[in-house]
């Protein structure tokens, strides 16, 4: 039985703190308590979601530089606005994108913002509790020497990001065997994604056409890419490395160093 000296009505909202039912008295949640519990639950859910997001980032193996990449804070200008809008739509419609297996191929010159854009996509997906892997062909090649089950992991993850594709084949005439092995690994990755109907997002300095004409990738790889990729986007116009250097110099100036 409750202490009869307790107040029957909340001093703040005026609602009853006790109710009587079938001759028994029960404590009731007034509006104040209800709002308090709701806020506590919202905060708990928020912290759980943040914890999950951070764990997803760890599992994604994304570089430290891109953990904070977001559409909201990206530098968007006349050159990349169209591509960023398409990328946002890609994330907005991620359920259909996943079901229909829409892959992306994003290319452009050095420092055009390819990796940052793909990181924005990856982080947006992870904030929706979607698992991703953010890696490169070079990293996968190194992993194959330690763990031949790598392809199973790449086949299962909902979204796979393959960053900076192409540099593994530069100067292939000087080491044909190494380039051939890189092609084998790439073909296995493409097979893993296509055969399991899972989206693949690639960034590169080379257009898909130049993968054939300049890097001379095997025709089977190019055919597999054509199956995996729904859209090819080019980023042009801005050198973000120069922009970052300029910003870094200004920060150093403020510190007097």
C-alpha atoms as a PDB file:
ATOM      1  CA  UNK A   1       0.000   0.000   0.000  1.00  0.00           C
ATOM      2  CA  UNK A   2       1.272   3.481  -0.857  1.00  0.00           C
ATOM      3  CA  UNK A   3       2.056   6.093   1.756  1.00  0.00           C
ATOM      4  CA  UNK A   4      -1.121   8.147   2.194  1.00  0.00           C
ATOM      5  CA  UNK A   5       0.955  11.266   2.830  1.00  0.00           C
ATOM      6  CA  UNK A   6       2.123  11.270  -0.828  1.00  0.00           C
ATOM      7  CA  UNK A   7       0.547  13.967  -2.966  1.00  0.00           C
ATOM      8  CA  UNK A   8      -2.355  12.716  -5.093  1.00  0.00           C
ATOM      9  CA  UNK A   9      -1.763  15.215  -7.895  1.00  0.00           C
ATOM     10  CA  UNK A  10       1.414  16.340  -9.675  1.00  0.00           C
ATOM     11  CA  UNK A  11       2.408  19.870  -8.669  1.00  0.00           C
ATOM     12  CA  UNK A  12       3.657  20.585 -12.204  1.00  0.00           C
ATOM     13  CA  UNK A  13       1.013  19.252 -14.584  1.00  0.00           C
ATOM     14  CA  UNK A  14      -1.840  18.775 -12.108  1.00  0.00           C
ATOM     15  CA  UNK A  15      -2.600  15.235 -13.266  1.00  0.00           C
ATOM     16  CA  UNK A  16      -3.353  12.455 -10.727  1.00  0.00           C
ATOM     17  CA  UNK A  17      -0.423  10.374  -9.489  1.00  0.00           C
ATOM     18  CA  UNK A  18      -2.682   7.570  -8.227  1.00  0.00           C
ATOM     19  CA  UNK A  19      -5.723   5.796  -9.631  1.00  0.00           C
ATOM     20  CA  UNK A  20      -8.263   3.528  -7.933  1.00  0.00           C
ATOM     21  CA  UNK A  21      -9.391   0.315  -9.597  1.00  0.00           C
ATOM     22  CA  UNK A  22     -11.689  -2.293  -8.049  1.00  0.00           C
ATOM     23  CA  UNK A  23     -11.052  -0.944  -4.593  1.00  0.00           C
ATOM     24  CA  UNK A  24      -7.273  -0.886  -4.957  1.00  0.00           C
ATOM     25  CA  UNK A  25      -5.009   2.133  -5.406  1.00  0.00           C
ATOM     26  CA  UNK A  26      -2.263   2.089  -8.048  1.00  0.00           C
ATOM     27  CA  UNK A  27       0.445   4.594  -8.870  1.00  0.00           C
ATOM     28  CA  UNK A  28      -0.156   6.394 -12.183  1.00  0.00           C
ATOM     29  CA  UNK A  29       2.218   8.184 -14.504  1.00  0.00           C
ATOM     30  CA  UNK A  30       1.223  11.811 -14.885  1.00  0.00           C
ATOM     31  CA  UNK A  31       2.120  13.717 -18.032  1.00  0.00           C
ATOM     32  CA  UNK A  32       5.437  14.859 -16.504  1.00  0.00           C
ATOM     33  CA  UNK A  33       6.555  11.329 -15.687  1.00  0.00           C
ATOM     34  CA  UNK A  34       5.391  10.006 -19.043  1.00  0.00           C
ATOM     35  CA  UNK A  35       7.396  12.661 -20.895  1.00  0.00           C
ATOM     36  CA  UNK A  36      10.399  11.994 -18.657  1.00  0.00           C
ATOM     37  CA  UNK A  37      10.337   8.249 -19.386  1.00  0.00           C
ATOM     38  CA  UNK A  38       9.831   8.883 -23.102  1.00  0.00           C
ATOM     39  CA  UNK A  39      12.852  11.208 -23.218  1.00  0.00           C
ATOM     40  CA  UNK A  40      14.959   8.667 -21.320  1.00  0.00           C
ATOM     41  CA  UNK A  41      13.933   5.938 -23.774  1.00  0.00           C
ATOM     42  CA  UNK A  42      14.661   8.174 -26.754  1.00  0.00           C
ATOM     43  CA  UNK A  43      18.114   8.930 -25.364  1.00  0.00           C
ATOM     44  CA  UNK A  44      18.716   5.224 -24.738  1.00  0.00           C
ATOM     45  CA  UNK A  45      17.726   4.376 -28.310  1.00  0.00           C
ATOM     46  CA  UNK A  46      19.910   7.223 -29.581  1.00  0.00           C
ATOM     47  CA  UNK A  47      22.942   5.887 -27.707  1.00  0.00           C
ATOM     48  CA  UNK A  48      22.280   2.342 -28.916  1.00  0.00           C
ATOM     49  CA  UNK A  49      22.027   3.576 -32.501  1.00  0.00           C
ATOM     50  CA  UNK A  50      25.254   5.568 -32.120  1.00  0.00           C
ATOM     51  CA  UNK A  51      27.005   2.517 -30.689  1.00  0.00           C
ATOM     52  CA  UNK A  52      25.776   0.392 -33.601  1.00  0.00           C
ATOM     53  CA  UNK A  53      26.854   3.042 -36.107  1.00  0.00           C
ATOM     54  CA  UNK A  54      30.365   3.215 -34.634  1.00  0.00           C
ATOM     55  CA  UNK A  55      30.622  -0.568 -34.723  1.00  0.00           C
ATOM     56  CA  UNK A  56      29.479  -0.580 -38.343  1.00  0.00           C
ATOM     57  CA  UNK A  57      32.225   1.949 -39.155  1.00  0.00           C
ATOM     58  CA  UNK A  58      34.799  -0.280 -37.458  1.00  0.00           C
ATOM     59  CA  UNK A  59      33.573  -3.305 -39.407  1.00  0.00           C
ATOM     60  CA  UNK A  60      33.603  -1.281 -42.625  1.00  0.00           C
ATOM     61  CA  UNK A  61      37.366  -0.674 -42.261  1.00  0.00           C
ATOM     62  CA  UNK A  62      36.960   2.919 -43.417  1.00  0.00           C
ATOM     63  CA  UNK A  63      39.969   5.205 -43.086  1.00  0.00           C
ATOM     64  CA  UNK A  64      39.967   7.750 -40.255  1.00  0.00           C
ATOM     65  CA  UNK A  65      39.890  10.643 -42.722  1.00  0.00           C
ATOM     66  CA  UNK A  66      36.470   9.671 -44.027  1.00  0.00           C
ATOM     67  CA  UNK A  67      34.628   8.674 -40.852  1.00  0.00           C
ATOM     68  CA  UNK A  68      33.023  12.128 -40.650  1.00  0.00           C
ATOM     69  CA  UNK A  69      32.180  12.460 -44.349  1.00  0.00           C
ATOM     70  CA  UNK A  70      28.535  13.506 -44.678  1.00  0.00           C
ATOM     71  CA  UNK A  71      26.332  14.940 -47.420  1.00  0.00           C
ATOM     72  CA  UNK A  72      25.402  17.796 -45.078  1.00  0.00           C
ATOM     73  CA  UNK A  73      28.998  18.994 -44.670  1.00  0.00           C
ATOM     74  CA  UNK A  74      30.385  18.167 -48.127  1.00  0.00           C
ATOM     75  CA  UNK A  75      31.629  20.979 -50.354  1.00  0.00           C
ATOM     76  CA  UNK A  76      29.051  21.078 -53.127  1.00  0.00           C
ATOM     77  CA  UNK A  77      29.522  23.380 -56.114  1.00  0.00           C
ATOM     78  CA  UNK A  78      28.394  23.805 -59.703  1.00  0.00           C
ATOM     79  CA  UNK A  79      30.723  21.014 -60.845  1.00  0.00           C
ATOM     80  CA  UNK A  80      29.616  18.242 -58.486  1.00  0.00           C
ATOM     81  CA  UNK A  81      26.082  19.291 -57.487  1.00  0.00           C
ATOM     82  CA  UNK A  82      24.365  16.962 -59.945  1.00  0.00           C
ATOM     83  CA  UNK A  83      26.347  13.921 -58.851  1.00  0.00           C
ATOM     84  CA  UNK A  84      25.762  14.666 -55.163  1.00  0.00           C
ATOM     85  CA  UNK A  85      22.016  14.913 -55.746  1.00  0.00           C
ATOM     86  CA  UNK A  86      22.047  11.533 -57.474  1.00  0.00           C
ATOM     87  CA  UNK A  87      24.097  10.073 -54.617  1.00  0.00           C
ATOM     88  CA  UNK A  88      21.558  11.344 -52.082  1.00  0.00           C
ATOM     89  CA  UNK A  89      18.762   9.733 -54.118  1.00  0.00           C
ATOM     90  CA  UNK A  90      20.773   6.509 -54.184  1.00  0.00           C
ATOM     91  CA  UNK A  91      20.810   6.480 -50.372  1.00  0.00           C
ATOM     92  CA  UNK A  92      17.228   7.678 -50.066  1.00  0.00           C
ATOM     93  CA  UNK A  93      16.055   4.729 -52.189  1.00  0.00           C
ATOM     94  CA  UNK A  94      18.532   2.263 -50.710  1.00  0.00           C
ATOM     95  CA  UNK A  95      15.961  -0.501 -50.204  1.00  0.00           C
ATOM     96  CA  UNK A  96      15.022  -0.555 -53.883  1.00  0.00           C
ATOM     97  CA  UNK A  97      18.651   0.026 -54.878  1.00  0.00           C
ATOM     98  CA  UNK A  98      19.619  -3.046 -52.885  1.00  0.00           C
ATOM     99  CA  UNK A  99      16.786  -5.207 -54.195  1.00  0.00           C
ATOM    100  CA  UNK A 100      17.522  -4.275 -57.807  1.00  0.00           C
ATOM    101  CA  UNK A 101      21.321  -4.416 -57.330  1.00  0.00           C
ATOM    102  CA  UNK A 102      22.274  -0.970 -58.644  1.00  0.00           C
ATOM    103  CA  UNK A 103      26.035  -0.545 -58.641  1.00  0.00           C
ATOM    104  CA  UNK A 104      27.907   2.752 -59.090  1.00  0.00           C
ATOM    105  CA  UNK A 105      31.137   3.662 -60.854  1.00  0.00           C
ATOM    106  CA  UNK A 106      32.506   7.089 -59.830  1.00  0.00           C
ATOM    107  CA  UNK A 107      35.549   8.407 -61.665  1.00  0.00           C
ATOM    108  CA  UNK A 108      37.542  11.595 -62.036  1.00  0.00           C
ATOM    109  CA  UNK A 109      41.006  13.113 -61.726  1.00  0.00           C
ATOM    110  CA  UNK A 110      43.091  12.977 -58.561  1.00  0.00           C
ATOM    111  CA  UNK A 111      41.557  15.042 -55.714  1.00  0.00           C
ATOM    112  CA  UNK A 112      38.215  15.451 -57.485  1.00  0.00           C
ATOM    113  CA  UNK A 113      36.390  14.145 -54.391  1.00  0.00           C
ATOM    114  CA  UNK A 114      35.585  10.590 -55.494  1.00  0.00           C
ATOM    115  CA  UNK A 115      36.493   8.891 -52.240  1.00  0.00           C
ATOM    116  CA  UNK A 116      34.798  11.575 -50.149  1.00  0.00           C
ATOM    117  CA  UNK A 117      31.573  11.183 -52.118  1.00  0.00           C
ATOM    118  CA  UNK A 118      31.624   7.402 -51.773  1.00  0.00           C
ATOM    119  CA  UNK A 119      32.348   7.802 -48.039  1.00  0.00           C
ATOM    120  CA  UNK A 120      29.289  10.063 -47.757  1.00  0.00           C
ATOM    121  CA  UNK A 121      27.231   7.285 -49.326  1.00  0.00           C
ATOM    122  CA  UNK A 122      28.761   4.656 -47.050  1.00  0.00           C
ATOM    123  CA  UNK A 123      28.204   6.680 -43.868  1.00  0.00           C
ATOM    124  CA  UNK A 124      24.639   7.506 -44.873  1.00  0.00           C
ATOM    125  CA  UNK A 125      23.914   3.809 -45.366  1.00  0.00           C
ATOM    126  CA  UNK A 126      25.501   2.902 -42.026  1.00  0.00           C
ATOM    127  CA  UNK A 127      23.383   5.539 -40.292  1.00  0.00           C
ATOM    128  CA  UNK A 128      20.445   3.547 -41.660  1.00  0.00           C
ATOM    129  CA  UNK A 129      21.946   0.472 -39.912  1.00  0.00           C
ATOM    130  CA  UNK A 130      23.165  -1.038 -43.198  1.00  0.00           C
ATOM    131  CA  UNK A 131      26.434  -2.952 -43.132  1.00  0.00           C
ATOM    132  CA  UNK A 132      29.116  -1.960 -45.648  1.00  0.00           C
ATOM    133  CA  UNK A 133      32.751  -2.727 -46.382  1.00  0.00           C
ATOM    134  CA  UNK A 134      34.958   0.129 -47.581  1.00  0.00           C
ATOM    135  CA  UNK A 135      38.175  -1.209 -49.054  1.00  0.00           C
ATOM    136  CA  UNK A 136      40.411  -1.301 -52.134  1.00  0.00           C
ATOM    137  CA  UNK A 137      41.541  -3.966 -54.564  1.00  0.00           C
ATOM    138  CA  UNK A 138      45.072  -3.669 -53.183  1.00  0.00           C
ATOM    139  CA  UNK A 139      43.833  -4.414 -49.656  1.00  0.00           C
ATOM    140  CA  UNK A 140      41.819  -7.381 -50.888  1.00  0.00           C
ATOM    141  CA  UNK A 141      44.861  -8.735 -52.736  1.00  0.00           C
ATOM    142  CA  UNK A 142      46.936  -8.533 -49.542  1.00  0.00           C
ATOM    143  CA  UNK A 143      44.132 -10.223 -47.617  1.00  0.00           C
ATOM    144  CA  UNK A 144      44.004 -13.157 -50.044  1.00  0.00           C
ATOM    145  CA  UNK A 145      47.513 -14.148 -48.982  1.00  0.00           C
ATOM    146  CA  UNK A 146      46.336 -14.464 -45.354  1.00  0.00           C
ATOM    147  CA  UNK A 147      42.728 -15.588 -45.704  1.00  0.00           C
ATOM    148  CA  UNK A 148      41.205 -17.263 -48.726  1.00  0.00           C
ATOM    149  CA  UNK A 149      37.713 -16.847 -47.192  1.00  0.00           C
ATOM    150  CA  UNK A 150      37.787 -13.121 -47.955  1.00  0.00           C
ATOM    151  CA  UNK A 151      35.477 -13.600 -50.953  1.00  0.00           C
ATOM    152  CA  UNK A 152      32.751 -15.067 -48.746  1.00  0.00           C
ATOM    153  CA  UNK A 153      32.763 -11.939 -46.595  1.00  0.00           C
ATOM    154  CA  UNK A 154      32.731  -9.687 -49.664  1.00  0.00           C
ATOM    155  CA  UNK A 155      29.846 -11.692 -51.107  1.00  0.00           C
ATOM    156  CA  UNK A 156      27.679 -11.383 -47.972  1.00  0.00           C
ATOM    157  CA  UNK A 157      28.003  -7.694 -47.081  1.00  0.00           C
ATOM    158  CA  UNK A 158      25.002  -5.668 -48.354  1.00  0.00           C
ATOM    159  CA  UNK A 159      27.117  -2.874 -49.907  1.00  0.00           C
ATOM    160  CA  UNK A 160      30.751  -3.137 -50.992  1.00  0.00           C
ATOM    161  CA  UNK A 161      32.868  -0.054 -51.739  1.00  0.00           C
ATOM    162  CA  UNK A 162      35.994  -0.547 -53.848  1.00  0.00           C
ATOM    163  CA  UNK A 163      38.108   2.601 -53.733  1.00  0.00           C
ATOM    164  CA  UNK A 164      40.675   3.847 -56.259  1.00  0.00           C
ATOM    165  CA  UNK A 165      40.471   0.983 -58.730  1.00  0.00           C
ATOM    166  CA  UNK A 166      43.059   0.951 -61.510  1.00  0.00           C
ATOM    167  CA  UNK A 167      46.397   1.820 -59.949  1.00  0.00           C
ATOM    168  CA  UNK A 168      47.095  -1.902 -59.524  1.00  0.00           C
ATOM    169  CA  UNK A 169      47.394  -2.175 -63.306  1.00  0.00           C
ATOM    170  CA  UNK A 170      49.620   0.813 -64.039  1.00  0.00           C
ATOM    171  CA  UNK A 171      52.870  -0.368 -65.660  1.00  0.00           C
ATOM    172  CA  UNK A 172      51.517  -3.875 -66.053  1.00  0.00           C
ATOM    173  CA  UNK A 173      53.965  -4.479 -68.897  1.00  0.00           C
ATOM    174  CA  UNK A 174      56.759  -4.454 -66.311  1.00  0.00           C
ATOM    175  CA  UNK A 175      55.152  -7.140 -64.147  1.00  0.00           C
ATOM    176  CA  UNK A 176      52.603  -9.097 -66.145  1.00  0.00           C
ATOM    177  CA  UNK A 177      52.285 -11.816 -63.517  1.00  0.00           C
ATOM    178  CA  UNK A 178      51.389  -9.364 -60.758  1.00  0.00           C
ATOM    179  CA  UNK A 179      48.829  -7.633 -62.978  1.00  0.00           C
ATOM    180  CA  UNK A 180      47.324 -10.985 -63.944  1.00  0.00           C
ATOM    181  CA  UNK A 181      46.892 -11.940 -60.311  1.00  0.00           C
ATOM    182  CA  UNK A 182      45.230  -8.583 -59.606  1.00  0.00           C
ATOM    183  CA  UNK A 183      42.823  -9.279 -62.481  1.00  0.00           C
ATOM    184  CA  UNK A 184      42.033 -12.704 -61.017  1.00  0.00           C
ATOM    185  CA  UNK A 185      41.229 -11.190 -57.626  1.00  0.00           C
ATOM    186  CA  UNK A 186      39.129  -8.436 -59.213  1.00  0.00           C
ATOM    187  CA  UNK A 187      37.214 -11.003 -61.267  1.00  0.00           C
ATOM    188  CA  UNK A 188      36.516 -13.013 -58.104  1.00  0.00           C
ATOM    189  CA  UNK A 189      35.232  -9.905 -56.326  1.00  0.00           C
ATOM    190  CA  UNK A 190      32.957  -9.024 -59.239  1.00  0.00           C
ATOM    191  CA  UNK A 191      31.680 -12.587 -59.398  1.00  0.00           C
ATOM    192  CA  UNK A 192      30.979 -12.543 -55.653  1.00  0.00           C
ATOM    193  CA  UNK A 193      28.862  -9.410 -55.982  1.00  0.00           C
ATOM    194  CA  UNK A 194      27.066 -10.220 -59.241  1.00  0.00           C
ATOM    195  CA  UNK A 195      26.344 -13.843 -58.383  1.00  0.00           C
ATOM    196  CA  UNK A 196      24.890 -12.814 -55.008  1.00  0.00           C
ATOM    197  CA  UNK A 197      22.978  -9.867 -56.479  1.00  0.00           C
ATOM    198  CA  UNK A 198      24.682  -7.333 -54.179  1.00  0.00           C
ATOM    199  CA  UNK A 199      25.553  -3.684 -55.054  1.00  0.00           C
ATOM    200  CA  UNK A 200      29.129  -2.605 -55.702  1.00  0.00           C
ATOM    201  CA  UNK A 201      30.341   1.011 -55.577  1.00  0.00           C
ATOM    202  CA  UNK A 202      33.683   1.695 -57.306  1.00  0.00           C
ATOM    203  CA  UNK A 203      35.840   4.827 -57.486  1.00  0.00           C
ATOM    204  CA  UNK A 204      38.651   5.266 -59.990  1.00  0.00           C
ATOM    205  CA  UNK A 205      40.805   7.773 -61.836  1.00  0.00           C
ATOM    206  CA  UNK A 206      39.788   5.976 -65.033  1.00  0.00           C
ATOM    207  CA  UNK A 207      36.480   5.819 -66.825  1.00  0.00           C
ATOM    208  CA  UNK A 208      35.188   2.331 -67.556  1.00  0.00           C
ATOM    209  CA  UNK A 209      36.173   2.853 -71.174  1.00  0.00           C
ATOM    210  CA  UNK A 210      39.769   3.662 -70.194  1.00  0.00           C
ATOM    211  CA  UNK A 211      39.978   0.517 -68.091  1.00  0.00           C
ATOM    212  CA  UNK A 212      39.958  -1.215 -71.447  1.00  0.00           C
ATOM    213  CA  UNK A 213      41.884   1.216 -73.643  1.00  0.00           C
ATOM    214  CA  UNK A 214      44.598   2.377 -71.216  1.00  0.00           C
ATOM    215  CA  UNK A 215      44.836  -0.296 -68.528  1.00  0.00           C
ATOM    216  CA  UNK A 216      43.871  -3.100 -70.927  1.00  0.00           C
ATOM    217  CA  UNK A 217      41.838  -5.084 -68.422  1.00  0.00           C
ATOM    218  CA  UNK A 218      40.677  -8.514 -69.440  1.00  0.00           C
ATOM    219  CA  UNK A 219      37.456  -8.538 -71.466  1.00  0.00           C
ATOM    220  CA  UNK A 220      35.764 -10.878 -68.954  1.00  0.00           C
ATOM    221  CA  UNK A 221      36.293  -8.268 -66.230  1.00  0.00           C
ATOM    222  CA  UNK A 222      34.855  -5.496 -68.361  1.00  0.00           C
ATOM    223  CA  UNK A 223      31.812  -7.601 -69.175  1.00  0.00           C
ATOM    224  CA  UNK A 224      31.316  -8.349 -65.470  1.00  0.00           C
ATOM    225  CA  UNK A 225      31.606  -4.645 -64.658  1.00  0.00           C
ATOM    226  CA  UNK A 226      28.909  -3.840 -67.210  1.00  0.00           C
ATOM    227  CA  UNK A 227      26.604  -6.236 -65.370  1.00  0.00           C
ATOM    228  CA  UNK A 228      27.478  -4.893 -61.905  1.00  0.00           C
ATOM    229  CA  UNK A 229      27.289  -1.161 -62.680  1.00  0.00           C
ATOM    230  CA  UNK A 230      24.024   0.709 -63.255  1.00  0.00           C
ATOM    231  CA  UNK A 231      25.421   4.259 -63.325  1.00  0.00           C
ATOM    232  CA  UNK A 232      28.788   5.798 -64.214  1.00  0.00           C
ATOM    233  CA  UNK A 233      29.351   9.271 -62.716  1.00  0.00           C
ATOM    234  CA  UNK A 234      32.209  11.664 -63.469  1.00  0.00           C
ATOM    235  CA  UNK A 235      33.477  14.257 -60.983  1.00  0.00           C
ATOM    236  CA  UNK A 236      35.197  17.288 -62.510  1.00  0.00           C
ATOM    237  CA  UNK A 237      36.255  20.839 -61.829  1.00  0.00           C
ATOM    238  CA  UNK A 238      37.530  21.026 -58.254  1.00  0.00           C
ATOM    239  CA  UNK A 239      40.908  20.019 -56.818  1.00  0.00           C
ATOM    240  CA  UNK A 240      40.032  19.297 -53.188  1.00  0.00           C
ATOM    241  CA  UNK A 241      43.628  18.483 -52.286  1.00  0.00           C
ATOM    242  CA  UNK A 242      44.666  22.056 -53.123  1.00  0.00           C
ATOM    243  CA  UNK A 243      41.657  23.318 -51.172  1.00  0.00           C
ATOM    244  CA  UNK A 244      42.602  21.234 -48.126  1.00  0.00           C
ATOM    245  CA  UNK A 245      46.204  22.446 -48.344  1.00  0.00           C
ATOM    246  CA  UNK A 246      45.019  26.052 -48.446  1.00  0.00           C
ATOM    247  CA  UNK A 247      42.839  25.493 -45.374  1.00  0.00           C
ATOM    248  CA  UNK A 248      45.684  23.781 -43.538  1.00  0.00           C
ATOM    249  CA  UNK A 249      48.040  26.678 -44.277  1.00  0.00           C
ATOM    250  CA  UNK A 250      45.493  29.140 -42.876  1.00  0.00           C
ATOM    251  CA  UNK A 251      45.178  27.095 -39.684  1.00  0.00           C
ATOM    252  CA  UNK A 252      48.955  27.015 -39.327  1.00  0.00           C
ATOM    253  CA  UNK A 253      49.080  30.777 -39.860  1.00  0.00           C
ATOM    254  CA  UNK A 254      46.629  31.267 -36.992  1.00  0.00           C
ATOM    255  CA  UNK A 255      48.899  29.235 -34.739  1.00  0.00           C
ATOM    256  CA  UNK A 256      51.901  31.300 -35.775  1.00  0.00           C
ATOM    257  CA  UNK A 257      53.844  28.333 -37.089  1.00  0.00           C
END
